[in-house]
Protein backbone atom coordinates (compact mmCIF):
# COMPACT_ATOMS: atom_id res chain seq x y z
CA UNK A 1 102.77 113.71 -15.62
CA UNK A 2 106.32 115.69 -15.87
CA UNK A 3 109.89 114.56 -14.74
CA UNK A 4 110.10 117.66 -12.47
CA UNK A 5 110.91 116.80 -8.83
CA UNK A 6 109.44 118.98 -6.19
CA UNK A 7 111.23 118.76 -2.92
CA UNK A 8 109.53 118.28 0.10
CA UNK A 9 111.31 120.60 2.43
CA UNK A 10 113.25 120.40 5.85
CA UNK A 11 111.66 118.49 8.90
CA UNK A 12 110.13 121.05 11.29
CA UNK A 13 111.49 121.12 14.63
CA UNK A 14 109.58 119.29 17.28
CA UNK A 15 107.67 120.71 20.10
CA UNK A 16 109.93 119.30 23.70
CA UNK A 17 106.77 119.31 25.57
CA UNK A 18 104.68 117.63 22.70
CA UNK A 19 106.98 114.70 22.64
CA UNK A 20 107.30 113.92 26.37
CA UNK A 21 103.42 113.61 26.16
CA UNK A 22 103.74 111.10 23.33
CA UNK A 23 106.44 109.33 25.35
CA UNK A 24 104.32 109.40 28.47
CA UNK A 25 101.22 108.52 26.83
CA UNK A 26 102.91 105.63 25.27
CA UNK A 27 104.80 104.37 28.57
CA UNK A 28 101.21 104.05 30.04
CA UNK A 29 99.79 102.04 27.26
CA UNK A 30 102.80 99.66 26.90
CA UNK A 31 103.18 99.53 31.24
CA UNK A 32 99.51 97.96 31.15
CA UNK A 33 99.56 95.93 28.23
CA UNK A 34 102.81 94.17 30.05
CA UNK A 35 101.44 94.00 33.29
CA UNK A 36 98.35 92.44 32.05
CA UNK A 37 99.89 89.42 29.65
CA UNK A 38 97.30 86.61 30.80
CA UNK A 39 93.64 86.84 29.28
CA UNK A 40 90.77 84.48 31.33
CA UNK A 41 87.81 83.68 29.41
CA UNK A 42 84.63 83.42 31.66
CA UNK A 43 80.86 81.77 30.83
CA UNK A 44 78.40 83.91 32.02
CA UNK A 45 74.40 84.67 31.77
CA UNK A 46 73.54 87.73 29.83
CA UNK A 47 71.79 89.01 33.09
CA UNK A 48 74.92 88.53 35.08
CA UNK A 49 77.12 90.46 32.99
CA UNK A 50 74.35 93.16 32.78
CA UNK A 51 74.50 93.61 36.31
CA UNK A 52 78.54 93.55 36.44
CA UNK A 53 78.68 96.20 33.63
CA UNK A 54 75.87 98.56 35.90
CA UNK A 55 78.28 97.96 39.23
CA UNK A 56 81.16 99.27 37.37
CA UNK A 57 79.44 101.88 35.48
CA UNK A 58 78.43 103.21 38.72
CA UNK A 59 81.35 103.17 40.43
CA UNK A 60 83.18 104.94 37.31
CA UNK A 61 85.71 101.96 36.13
CA UNK A 62 85.77 99.10 33.58
CA UNK A 63 84.56 95.84 34.24
CA UNK A 64 87.85 94.25 33.93
CA UNK A 65 89.18 96.19 36.58
CA UNK A 66 86.37 95.57 38.77
CA UNK A 67 86.90 91.95 37.95
CA UNK A 68 90.49 92.44 38.59
CA UNK A 69 89.86 94.19 42.35
CA UNK A 70 87.61 91.28 43.00
CA UNK A 71 90.18 88.51 42.33
CA UNK A 72 93.05 90.08 43.67
CA UNK A 73 91.11 90.50 46.91
CA UNK A 74 89.66 86.98 46.96
CA UNK A 75 93.05 85.40 45.63
CA UNK A 76 96.68 87.91 47.26
CA UNK A 77 99.60 87.18 46.57
CA UNK A 78 100.98 86.57 49.67
CA UNK A 79 97.85 83.64 50.38
CA UNK A 80 99.19 80.41 51.34
């Protein structure tokens, strides 16, 4: 290897639309993570887990979204 240095060059200019898209995507991801900060572990039978997964898939949502909706209905914020 020789001691000759090769310059990298100037930093390319950024596309403002691309930067806005990156920031927007990051905010959505961070927002969800900061919103749901508590983890709940629940033991269920494999058969119940399968039924839950099939139901969530049928509704086009994740199991986590489905269970959050169920828990919100059962334990609303304004409950006594």
